[in-house]
Amino acid sequence: MLGGIRDFFYRHKRKFIVTGAVFGGLYLLTSYAQRKLREWQEREAKRFFEMTRKKQHFESTERTCNQTILSLSKIVTESILGVLNTEEIVLKLQENPNNKLVLWEQLKIMIFTRMCVLVYALSILQVTLRVQLNIIGGYLYRDSVHEDNPLVDSELQAKYLSLCHHFVGRGVEDLIKQIESVVKKVLEPVSLKKKMTLQEVEQIFWSIQNSLCTDSADGDPVKKMVHYLVGHAEINGAKLDTIVKETMDILESDEVTSIAMSSISRSFSSVTDEVANLFVSKSAPVSKNHLELNVEHVITNGALKLGASPDTFVDVNKVEIHFVKLLPVINELITKNLCKGNTNIPDLLTQQLTLNDKLKLLGANIYEVFSSA
């Protein structure tokens, strides 16, 4: 019997060898495939974890950025309104002094200067802070991944982020001086008795913006963001110097300059929209119905509808107001809560800039570059 079995295996030896080789190969192939599958699953799980961790860190950086911007925007606004204090002139005018004309001329320059400085200062602050905080956020994330070789310690982080305080102080003062000189050139020929249309007010803002863009003496404020950030600072240390140079390269890039100029133009458009509401509210007859219904203004293709009556329209482009009467109400846009949502112009500009998609995308791109380098 044993001999028969031996003869059977001998006769089918080749088949057994082939079959064993096939099953052995399948086993090895299955084991290899399973191992590769586990490795792929581990890599994907690790990548997903890293992506989730990175996303959470970026979102935390964004929240910090928004909170810092809101905090510093208030400080910058208070600084601007403190230097350009129109309330003192308004109080003097209420006393009916002999130099009323001189005071009105000063008020005219100051009101438009503070409005334009707010637009430029808040826009520059938004851009520089988003660049700074996303650079440092990217570095901090990279340090969390490579803990053995950290690039940014707490002292370096504090020194780098303190650079923005130079803009809040000396930088804003320089900006006020530059914009005030341009506003004087644009507004001095404009008579206080002149009847102004909305287009003429918009033209004033455009002329100021255009003059600043082509300012050969002091330079375009947008292209001087680096000066406002580091122009008054002493940079000590190789690592800090490296980060500052990287920041300067980004702020001086065409992309960032374009985004900053676009933000400033949008801010001036928002200011013009609020002025348009003033033109209509000052020219349209106010009835009891309007006061009771408290209906908001709705601007559509240059016409503004008021109240409950469907036939009540005011062509905002044809309304004219004496310049001297327009100045106090424009001034109130900054100093009082007259805008929709119970906010004033500085708050409105800060909110719009914080929600600006281009600025958000800029921050995200910078974070991605510095966190992955």
Protein backbone atom coordinates (compact mmCIF):
# COMPACT_ATOMS: atom_id res chain seq x y z
CA MET A 1 0.00 0.00 0.00
CA LEU A 2 2.82 2.38 0.87
CA GLY A 3 4.49 1.46 -2.36
CA GLY A 4 1.32 2.31 -4.29
CA ILE A 5 1.13 5.71 -2.63
CA ARG A 6 4.80 6.30 -3.35
CA ASP A 7 4.28 5.32 -7.00
CA PHE A 8 1.24 7.65 -7.20
CA PHE A 9 3.25 10.64 -5.90
CA TYR A 10 6.14 9.74 -8.17
CA ARG A 11 3.91 9.59 -11.22
CA HIS A 12 2.25 12.95 -10.37
CA LYS A 13 5.35 14.62 -8.90
CA ARG A 14 5.41 17.37 -11.49
CA LYS A 15 1.76 18.17 -10.92
CA PHE A 16 2.31 18.41 -7.18
CA ILE A 17 5.35 20.65 -7.68
CA VAL A 18 3.45 22.96 -10.06
CA THR A 19 0.40 23.01 -7.80
CA GLY A 20 2.57 23.74 -4.75
CA ALA A 21 4.38 26.48 -6.62
CA VAL A 22 1.08 28.03 -7.72
CA PHE A 23 -0.45 27.94 -4.24
CA GLY A 24 2.81 29.10 -2.68
CA GLY A 25 2.98 31.97 -5.16
CA LEU A 26 -0.63 32.88 -4.47
CA TYR A 27 0.04 32.85 -0.74
CA LEU A 28 3.10 35.05 -1.13
CA LEU A 29 1.25 37.35 -3.52
CA THR A 30 -1.71 37.58 -1.16
CA SER A 31 0.59 38.30 1.78
CA TYR A 32 2.42 40.95 -0.24
CA ALA A 33 -0.87 42.54 -1.38
CA GLN A 34 -2.20 42.54 2.17
CA ARG A 35 1.00 44.12 3.47
CA LYS A 36 0.91 46.80 0.76
CA LEU A 37 -2.77 47.41 1.46
CA ARG A 38 -2.03 47.87 5.17
CA GLU A 39 0.84 50.21 4.34
CA TRP A 40 -1.42 52.21 2.00
CA GLN A 41 -4.15 52.35 4.63
CA GLU A 42 -1.63 53.49 7.24
CA ARG A 43 -0.27 56.16 4.87
CA GLU A 44 -3.78 57.37 4.04
CA ALA A 45 -4.75 57.39 7.70
CA LYS A 46 -1.58 59.31 8.54
CA ARG A 47 -2.16 61.73 5.65
CA PHE A 48 -5.78 62.23 6.72
CA PHE A 49 -4.68 62.83 10.30
CA GLU A 50 -2.03 65.33 9.15
CA MET A 51 -4.54 67.08 6.88
CA THR A 52 -7.07 67.29 9.71
CA ARG A 53 -4.43 68.52 12.12
CA LYS A 54 -3.17 71.05 9.59
CA LYS A 55 -6.70 72.24 8.82
CA GLN A 56 -7.44 72.70 12.53
CA HIS A 57 -4.18 74.59 13.01
CA PHE A 58 -4.92 76.83 10.02
CA GLU A 59 -8.44 77.53 11.28
CA SER A 60 -6.95 78.40 14.67
CA THR A 61 -4.49 80.73 12.91
CA GLU A 62 -7.40 82.34 11.03
CA ARG A 63 -9.34 82.93 14.25
CA THR A 64 -6.26 84.45 15.87
CA CYS A 65 -5.73 86.59 12.78
CA ASN A 66 -9.32 87.90 12.80
CA GLN A 67 -9.24 88.61 16.54
CA THR A 68 -5.91 90.44 16.22
CA ILE A 69 -7.17 92.45 13.26
CA LEU A 70 -10.35 93.49 15.10
CA SER A 71 -8.36 94.49 18.16
CA LEU A 72 -5.69 96.47 16.30
CA SER A 73 -8.24 98.04 13.92
CA LYS A 74 -9.91 99.68 16.92
CA ILE A 75 -6.55 100.97 18.16
CA VAL A 76 -5.66 102.32 14.69
CA THR A 77 -9.08 103.97 14.34
CA GLU A 78 -8.82 105.62 17.74
CA SER A 79 -5.31 106.81 16.90
CA ILE A 80 -6.48 108.36 13.61
CA LEU A 81 -9.54 110.03 15.14
CA GLY A 82 -7.39 111.28 18.00
CA VAL A 83 -4.88 112.97 15.69
CA LEU A 84 -7.55 114.24 13.28
CA ASN A 85 -9.95 115.50 15.93
CA THR A 86 -12.82 117.24 14.14
CA GLU A 87 -14.85 117.61 17.33
CA GLU A 88 -12.64 120.48 18.51
CA ILE A 89 -13.31 122.45 15.33
CA VAL A 90 -17.05 121.67 15.49
CA LEU A 91 -17.20 123.05 19.05
CA LYS A 92 -15.42 126.25 17.95
CA LEU A 93 -17.87 126.70 15.06
CA GLN A 94 -20.80 126.41 17.44
CA GLU A 95 -19.51 129.52 19.21
CA ASN A 96 -19.89 131.51 15.95
CA PRO A 97 -16.32 132.90 15.89
CA ASN A 98 -14.98 135.55 13.49
CA ASN A 99 -12.75 133.04 11.66
CA LYS A 100 -15.61 130.72 10.70
CA LEU A 101 -14.46 130.43 7.10
CA VAL A 102 -10.96 129.38 8.13
CA LEU A 103 -12.38 126.77 10.50
CA TRP A 104 -14.72 125.40 7.83
CA GLU A 105 -11.78 125.06 5.45
CA GLN A 106 -9.83 123.18 8.12
CA LEU A 107 -12.83 120.97 8.80
CA LYS A 108 -13.21 120.21 5.09
CA ILE A 109 -9.61 119.01 4.82
CA MET A 110 -9.72 117.10 8.09
CA ILE A 111 -12.95 115.20 7.36
CA PHE A 112 -11.77 113.89 4.00
CA THR A 113 -8.29 113.21 5.37
CA ARG A 114 -9.58 111.07 8.24
CA MET A 115 -11.91 109.17 5.88
CA CYS A 116 -9.10 108.43 3.41
CA VAL A 117 -6.59 107.58 6.15
CA LEU A 118 -9.07 105.11 7.63
CA VAL A 119 -9.49 103.39 4.25
CA TYR A 120 -5.74 103.12 3.64
CA ALA A 121 -4.71 102.33 7.22
CA LEU A 122 -7.29 99.57 7.77
CA SER A 123 -6.53 98.01 4.37
CA ILE A 124 -2.76 98.05 4.94
CA LEU A 125 -3.24 96.68 8.46
CA GLN A 126 -5.37 93.80 7.15
CA VAL A 127 -2.85 92.84 4.46
CA THR A 128 0.28 93.05 6.62
CA LEU A 129 -1.29 91.17 9.55
CA ARG A 130 -2.60 88.38 7.33
CA VAL A 131 0.82 87.99 5.77
CA GLN A 132 2.61 88.04 9.14
CA LEU A 133 0.28 85.73 11.03
CA ASN A 134 0.11 83.14 8.25
CA ILE A 135 3.90 83.14 7.86
CA ILE A 136 4.40 82.57 11.58
CA GLY A 137 1.48 80.11 11.64
CA GLY A 138 3.09 78.09 8.86
CA TYR A 139 6.41 78.03 10.68
CA LEU A 140 4.77 76.93 13.93
CA TYR A 141 2.97 74.06 12.22
CA ARG A 142 6.20 72.93 10.58
CA ASP A 143 7.92 73.06 13.98
CA SER A 144 5.17 70.87 15.44
CA VAL A 145 5.92 68.25 12.79
CA HIS A 146 9.72 68.49 13.10
CA GLU A 147 10.07 68.95 16.85
CA ASP A 148 13.78 68.10 16.83
CA ASN A 149 14.70 71.21 14.81
CA PRO A 150 12.37 74.13 15.69
CA LEU A 151 12.70 77.29 13.61
CA VAL A 152 10.63 79.71 15.71
CA ASP A 153 10.80 80.06 19.48
CA SER A 154 8.49 82.20 21.62
CA GLU A 155 10.96 85.10 21.81
CA LEU A 156 11.40 85.24 18.03
CA GLN A 157 7.64 84.99 17.56
CA ALA A 158 7.05 87.92 19.92
CA LYS A 159 9.67 90.11 18.20
CA TYR A 160 8.30 89.34 14.75
CA LEU A 161 4.66 90.01 15.62
CA SER A 162 5.57 93.22 17.46
CA LEU A 163 6.59 94.74 14.12
CA CYS A 164 2.96 95.62 13.37
CA HIS A 165 2.95 97.97 16.38
CA HIS A 166 5.30 100.26 14.48
CA PHE A 167 2.56 100.78 11.91
CA VAL A 168 -0.05 101.41 14.61
CA GLY A 169 2.15 104.20 15.98
CA ARG A 170 4.71 105.88 13.75
CA GLY A 171 3.42 104.32 10.55
CA VAL A 172 -0.07 105.79 10.94
CA GLU A 173 1.42 109.21 11.73
CA ASP A 174 3.46 109.11 8.51
CA LEU A 175 0.38 108.01 6.56
CA ILE A 176 -1.71 110.87 7.97
CA LYS A 177 0.89 113.46 6.94
CA GLN A 178 1.13 112.07 3.42
CA ILE A 179 -2.62 111.80 2.82
CA GLU A 180 -3.34 115.19 4.39
CA SER A 181 -0.99 116.93 1.96
CA VAL A 182 -2.69 115.23 -1.01
CA VAL A 183 -6.19 116.02 0.29
CA LYS A 184 -5.24 119.69 0.58
CA LYS A 185 -4.15 119.80 -3.06
CA VAL A 186 -7.38 118.18 -4.20
CA LEU A 187 -9.87 120.05 -1.97
CA GLU A 188 -8.45 123.55 -1.59
CA PRO A 189 -9.89 124.67 -4.97
CA VAL A 190 -13.36 123.29 -4.07
CA SER A 191 -15.61 126.03 -2.69
CA LEU A 192 -17.69 125.40 0.42
CA LYS A 193 -20.63 127.04 -1.37
CA LYS A 194 -20.45 124.66 -4.31
CA LYS A 195 -23.42 122.37 -4.85
CA MET A 196 -22.07 118.82 -4.87
CA THR A 197 -23.47 115.75 -6.59
CA LEU A 198 -22.69 112.18 -5.59
CA GLN A 199 -20.49 111.79 -8.67
CA GLU A 200 -18.44 114.81 -7.63
CA VAL A 201 -17.89 113.42 -4.14
CA GLU A 202 -16.88 110.11 -5.69
CA GLN A 203 -14.55 112.02 -8.02
CA ILE A 204 -12.88 113.62 -4.98
CA PHE A 205 -12.14 110.20 -3.49
CA TRP A 206 -10.91 108.95 -6.86
CA SER A 207 -8.63 112.00 -7.32
CA ILE A 208 -7.12 111.51 -3.86
CA GLN A 209 -6.54 107.80 -4.52
CA ASN A 210 -5.05 108.53 -7.95
CA SER A 211 -2.77 111.24 -6.55
CA LEU A 212 -1.50 108.88 -3.86
CA CYS A 213 -0.83 106.17 -6.47
CA THR A 214 1.31 108.60 -8.46
CA ASP A 215 2.86 110.45 -5.51
CA SER A 216 6.46 110.96 -6.61
CA ALA A 217 7.59 112.67 -3.40
CA ASP A 218 6.41 110.23 -0.71
CA GLY A 219 5.50 107.20 -2.82
CA ASP A 220 2.36 105.11 -3.08
CA PRO A 221 1.26 104.04 0.46
CA VAL A 222 0.37 100.57 -0.85
CA LYS A 223 3.89 100.07 -2.17
CA LYS A 224 5.29 101.36 1.14
CA MET A 225 3.72 98.65 3.30
CA VAL A 226 7.21 97.33 4.06
CA HIS A 227 8.25 100.79 5.26
CA TYR A 228 5.24 101.04 7.57
CA LEU A 229 5.96 97.58 8.98
CA VAL A 230 9.73 97.57 9.45
CA GLY A 231 10.86 101.11 8.60
CA HIS A 232 11.26 102.06 12.26
CA ALA A 233 12.39 98.69 13.64
CA GLU A 234 15.80 97.29 14.49
CA ILE A 235 16.19 93.72 13.26
CA ASN A 236 18.54 91.67 15.46
CA GLY A 237 19.25 88.00 14.89
CA ALA A 238 19.74 85.86 11.80
CA LYS A 239 16.44 83.97 12.08
CA LEU A 240 14.41 87.15 12.59
CA ASP A 241 16.23 88.78 9.69
CA THR A 242 15.37 85.80 7.46
CA ILE A 243 11.66 85.90 8.35
CA VAL A 244 11.51 89.68 7.91
CA LYS A 245 13.11 89.44 4.47
CA GLU A 246 10.61 86.75 3.47
CA THR A 247 7.80 89.03 4.67
CA MET A 248 9.21 91.96 2.71
CA ASP A 249 9.40 89.88 -0.46
CA ILE A 250 5.73 88.92 -0.12
CA LEU A 251 4.52 92.46 0.70
CA GLU A 252 6.43 93.87 -2.29
CA SER A 253 5.10 91.24 -4.70
CA ASP A 254 2.75 92.27 -7.51
CA GLU A 255 0.03 89.91 -6.25
CA VAL A 256 -0.11 91.41 -2.76
CA THR A 257 0.09 94.97 -4.11
CA SER A 258 -2.81 94.23 -6.46
CA ILE A 259 -4.92 92.73 -3.65
CA ALA A 260 -4.23 95.72 -1.39
CA MET A 261 -5.18 98.22 -4.11
CA SER A 262 -8.34 96.23 -4.88
CA SER A 263 -9.27 96.26 -1.17
CA ILE A 264 -8.76 100.01 -0.98
CA SER A 265 -10.93 100.59 -4.06
CA ARG A 266 -13.70 98.41 -2.61
CA SER A 267 -13.49 100.34 0.68
CA PHE A 268 -13.88 103.66 -1.14
CA SER A 269 -16.90 102.20 -2.97
CA SER A 270 -18.45 101.29 0.40
CA VAL A 271 -17.85 104.82 1.67
CA THR A 272 -19.47 106.23 -1.48
CA ASP A 273 -22.51 103.98 -0.95
CA GLU A 274 -22.97 105.39 2.54
CA VAL A 275 -22.60 108.93 1.20
CA ALA A 276 -25.27 108.10 -1.41
CA ASN A 277 -27.68 107.27 1.42
CA LEU A 278 -26.92 110.68 2.92
CA PHE A 279 -27.71 112.44 -0.35
CA VAL A 280 -31.12 110.81 -0.53
CA SER A 281 -31.99 111.18 3.15
CA LYS A 282 -31.13 114.88 3.03
CA SER A 283 -33.05 115.58 -0.18
CA ALA A 284 -36.14 113.35 0.09
CA PRO A 285 -39.16 114.67 2.01
CA VAL A 286 -39.62 112.82 5.28
CA SER A 287 -43.22 111.96 6.08
CA LYS A 288 -44.86 110.49 9.13
CA ASN A 289 -45.18 107.20 7.26
CA HIS A 290 -41.43 107.03 6.69
CA LEU A 291 -40.70 107.56 10.35
CA GLU A 292 -43.23 105.00 11.50
CA LEU A 293 -42.30 102.32 8.96
CA ASN A 294 -38.56 102.88 9.33
CA VAL A 295 -38.03 101.43 5.83
CA GLU A 296 -34.43 101.04 4.75
CA HIS A 297 -32.99 102.66 1.64
CA VAL A 298 -32.66 100.43 -1.40
CA ILE A 299 -30.41 101.65 -4.21
CA THR A 300 -31.08 100.20 -7.65
CA ASN A 301 -29.43 101.50 -10.83
CA GLY A 302 -28.92 104.99 -9.47
CA ALA A 303 -32.44 105.36 -8.08
CA LEU A 304 -33.40 105.03 -4.45
CA LYS A 305 -36.85 104.02 -3.21
CA LEU A 306 -38.19 105.27 0.12
CA GLY A 307 -41.15 104.42 2.29
CA ALA A 308 -44.21 102.39 1.49
CA SER A 309 -45.28 104.16 -1.69
CA PRO A 310 -44.17 102.31 -4.84
CA ASP A 311 -44.05 105.58 -6.78
CA THR A 312 -41.59 107.41 -4.50
CA PHE A 313 -38.18 107.40 -6.19
CA VAL A 314 -35.22 109.73 -5.94
CA ASP A 315 -32.56 109.78 -8.64
CA VAL A 316 -29.48 109.87 -6.46
CA ASN A 317 -27.33 111.08 -9.36
CA LYS A 318 -29.36 114.29 -9.72
CA VAL A 319 -29.39 115.30 -6.06
CA GLU A 320 -27.26 118.34 -5.17
CA ILE A 321 -26.19 119.46 -1.71
CA HIS A 322 -24.07 122.45 -0.73
CA PHE A 323 -20.61 121.24 0.22
CA VAL A 324 -20.71 123.05 3.55
CA LYS A 325 -23.93 121.21 4.51
CA LEU A 326 -22.56 117.87 3.38
CA LEU A 327 -19.43 118.00 5.57
CA PRO A 328 -21.10 117.50 9.00
CA VAL A 329 -23.15 114.51 7.85
CA ILE A 330 -20.11 112.85 6.25
CA ASN A 331 -18.26 113.45 9.50
CA GLU A 332 -21.07 111.70 11.40
CA LEU A 333 -20.50 108.54 9.36
CA ILE A 334 -17.27 108.13 11.28
CA THR A 335 -18.21 109.43 14.71
CA LYS A 336 -21.78 108.12 15.13
CA ASN A 337 -23.58 104.81 14.66
CA LEU A 338 -25.59 105.62 11.55
CA CYS A 339 -24.82 102.69 9.24
CA LYS A 340 -26.88 99.55 8.79
CA GLY A 341 -26.25 97.03 11.55
CA ASN A 342 -25.57 99.82 14.07
CA THR A 343 -21.98 100.24 12.93
CA ASN A 344 -19.97 103.22 11.73
CA ILE A 345 -17.62 103.52 8.74
CA PRO A 346 -14.51 102.14 10.52
CA ASP A 347 -16.45 99.09 11.74
CA LEU A 348 -18.03 98.62 8.32
CA LEU A 349 -14.64 98.73 6.57
CA THR A 350 -13.07 96.36 9.12
CA GLN A 351 -15.89 93.85 8.68
CA GLN A 352 -15.73 93.95 4.88
CA LEU A 353 -11.95 93.58 4.83
CA THR A 354 -12.05 90.69 7.30
CA LEU A 355 -14.54 88.86 5.06
CA ASN A 356 -12.67 89.70 1.85
CA ASP A 357 -12.22 86.43 -0.11
CA LYS A 358 -9.04 87.60 -1.83
CA LEU A 359 -7.37 88.37 1.50
CA LYS A 360 -8.50 85.02 2.92
CA LEU A 361 -7.10 83.16 -0.10
CA LEU A 362 -3.84 85.11 0.18
CA GLY A 363 -3.49 84.05 3.81
CA ALA A 364 -4.27 80.42 3.00
CA ASN A 365 -1.68 80.32 0.20
CA ILE A 366 1.01 81.85 2.42
CA TYR A 367 0.24 79.38 5.23
CA GLU A 368 0.44 76.44 2.84
CA VAL A 369 3.82 77.53 1.48
CA PHE A 370 5.45 78.09 4.89
CA SER A 371 3.90 75.04 6.57
CA SER A 372 5.07 72.70 3.81
CA ALA A 373 8.55 74.10 3.15
